[in-house]
Amino acid sequence: MANTDFTNAQALNLSKITHRFREAELVWIGSSLEVLREWPEGIRVSFGQSLRMLQNGLPAALNIRPMQSIGRGVFELKDADETAWYR
């Protein structure tokens, strides 16, 4: 059976690693969060996953478009289901 308990040294090393990366701030403008909450669950999940990936400096799973005219680090995310496009 494998030992899954962390030693104090392992926990300290993990703490150093996780503090090196700062999650980017996510800012909701106007009613954007309320609008997102009204979308179908699958669309909300895919947007949530992609937003979390972008916050952590990873490429989004959804199609994205940089919106540099609005600001640095601003992206439009796009997804669709059988009835509509969401962005």
Protein backbone atom coordinates (compact mmCIF):
# COMPACT_ATOMS: atom_id res chain seq x y z
CA MET A 1 0.00 0.00 0.00
CA ALA A 2 1.40 3.40 -1.01
CA ASN A 3 1.95 6.05 1.63
CA THR A 4 -0.08 9.13 0.69
CA ASP A 5 0.73 11.20 3.80
CA PHE A 6 2.71 14.38 3.15
CA THR A 7 5.70 15.11 5.32
CA ASN A 8 6.22 18.66 6.57
CA ALA A 9 9.02 19.14 4.02
CA GLN A 10 6.78 17.99 1.16
CA ALA A 11 3.99 20.30 2.29
CA LEU A 12 6.44 23.23 2.47
CA ASN A 13 7.69 22.50 -1.07
CA LEU A 14 4.12 22.29 -2.37
CA SER A 15 3.32 25.58 -0.66
CA LYS A 16 6.28 27.27 -2.39
CA ILE A 17 5.16 25.96 -5.77
CA THR A 18 1.53 27.05 -5.42
CA HIS A 19 2.49 30.54 -4.24
CA ARG A 20 4.64 31.16 -7.34
CA PHE A 21 1.59 31.38 -9.55
CA ARG A 22 -1.08 33.99 -8.99
CA GLU A 23 -4.50 33.42 -10.39
CA ALA A 24 -5.56 36.30 -12.66
CA GLU A 25 -8.48 38.36 -11.42
CA LEU A 26 -11.84 37.71 -13.06
CA VAL A 27 -14.01 40.83 -13.38
CA TRP A 28 -17.70 40.66 -14.30
CA ILE A 29 -18.98 43.73 -16.14
CA GLY A 30 -22.61 44.87 -15.90
CA SER A 31 -25.06 41.95 -15.86
CA SER A 32 -22.63 39.47 -17.48
CA LEU A 33 -22.62 37.08 -14.50
CA GLU A 34 -26.43 37.07 -14.27
CA VAL A 35 -26.67 36.42 -18.02
CA LEU A 36 -24.20 33.53 -17.77
CA ARG A 37 -26.21 31.98 -14.93
CA GLU A 38 -29.26 31.80 -17.23
CA TRP A 39 -27.45 29.73 -19.87
CA PRO A 40 -27.80 25.91 -20.11
CA GLU A 41 -25.71 23.96 -17.61
CA GLY A 42 -23.35 22.44 -20.20
CA ILE A 43 -22.52 25.85 -21.61
CA ARG A 44 -21.96 27.28 -18.10
CA VAL A 45 -19.62 24.41 -17.26
CA SER A 46 -17.55 24.83 -20.43
CA PHE A 47 -17.29 28.59 -19.85
CA GLY A 48 -16.35 28.07 -16.21
CA GLN A 49 -13.62 25.59 -17.10
CA SER A 50 -12.19 27.87 -19.77
CA LEU A 51 -12.29 30.90 -17.49
CA ARG A 52 -10.41 28.97 -14.80
CA MET A 53 -7.81 27.85 -17.36
CA LEU A 54 -7.29 31.44 -18.55
CA GLN A 55 -7.01 32.66 -14.94
CA ASN A 56 -4.18 30.20 -14.43
CA GLY A 57 -2.30 31.12 -17.60
CA LEU A 58 -3.40 28.08 -19.59
CA PRO A 59 -5.03 28.07 -23.02
CA ALA A 60 -8.83 27.97 -22.88
CA ALA A 61 -10.69 24.90 -24.08
CA LEU A 62 -13.23 27.11 -25.88
CA ASN A 63 -12.66 29.28 -28.94
CA ILE A 64 -11.44 32.67 -27.76
CA ARG A 65 -10.69 36.02 -29.32
CA PRO A 66 -8.47 38.61 -27.66
CA MET A 67 -10.25 41.93 -27.22
CA GLN A 68 -7.26 44.24 -26.97
CA SER A 69 -9.36 47.28 -27.89
CA ILE A 70 -11.10 46.83 -24.52
CA GLY A 71 -8.00 45.97 -22.53
CA ARG A 72 -4.98 43.74 -22.08
CA GLY A 73 -5.99 40.27 -20.95
CA VAL A 74 -9.61 40.63 -22.10
CA PHE A 75 -11.00 37.75 -24.15
CA GLU A 76 -14.26 36.82 -25.80
CA LEU A 77 -15.16 33.15 -25.25
CA LYS A 78 -17.52 31.37 -27.64
CA ASP A 79 -19.48 28.13 -27.41
CA ALA A 80 -22.64 26.73 -28.96
CA ASP A 81 -25.25 24.08 -28.41
CA GLU A 82 -27.90 22.80 -30.81
CA THR A 83 -30.00 25.96 -30.42
CA ALA A 84 -27.71 28.98 -30.03
CA TRP A 85 -24.25 30.55 -29.84
CA TYR A 86 -23.04 31.89 -26.50
CA ARG A 87 -20.30 34.47 -25.98
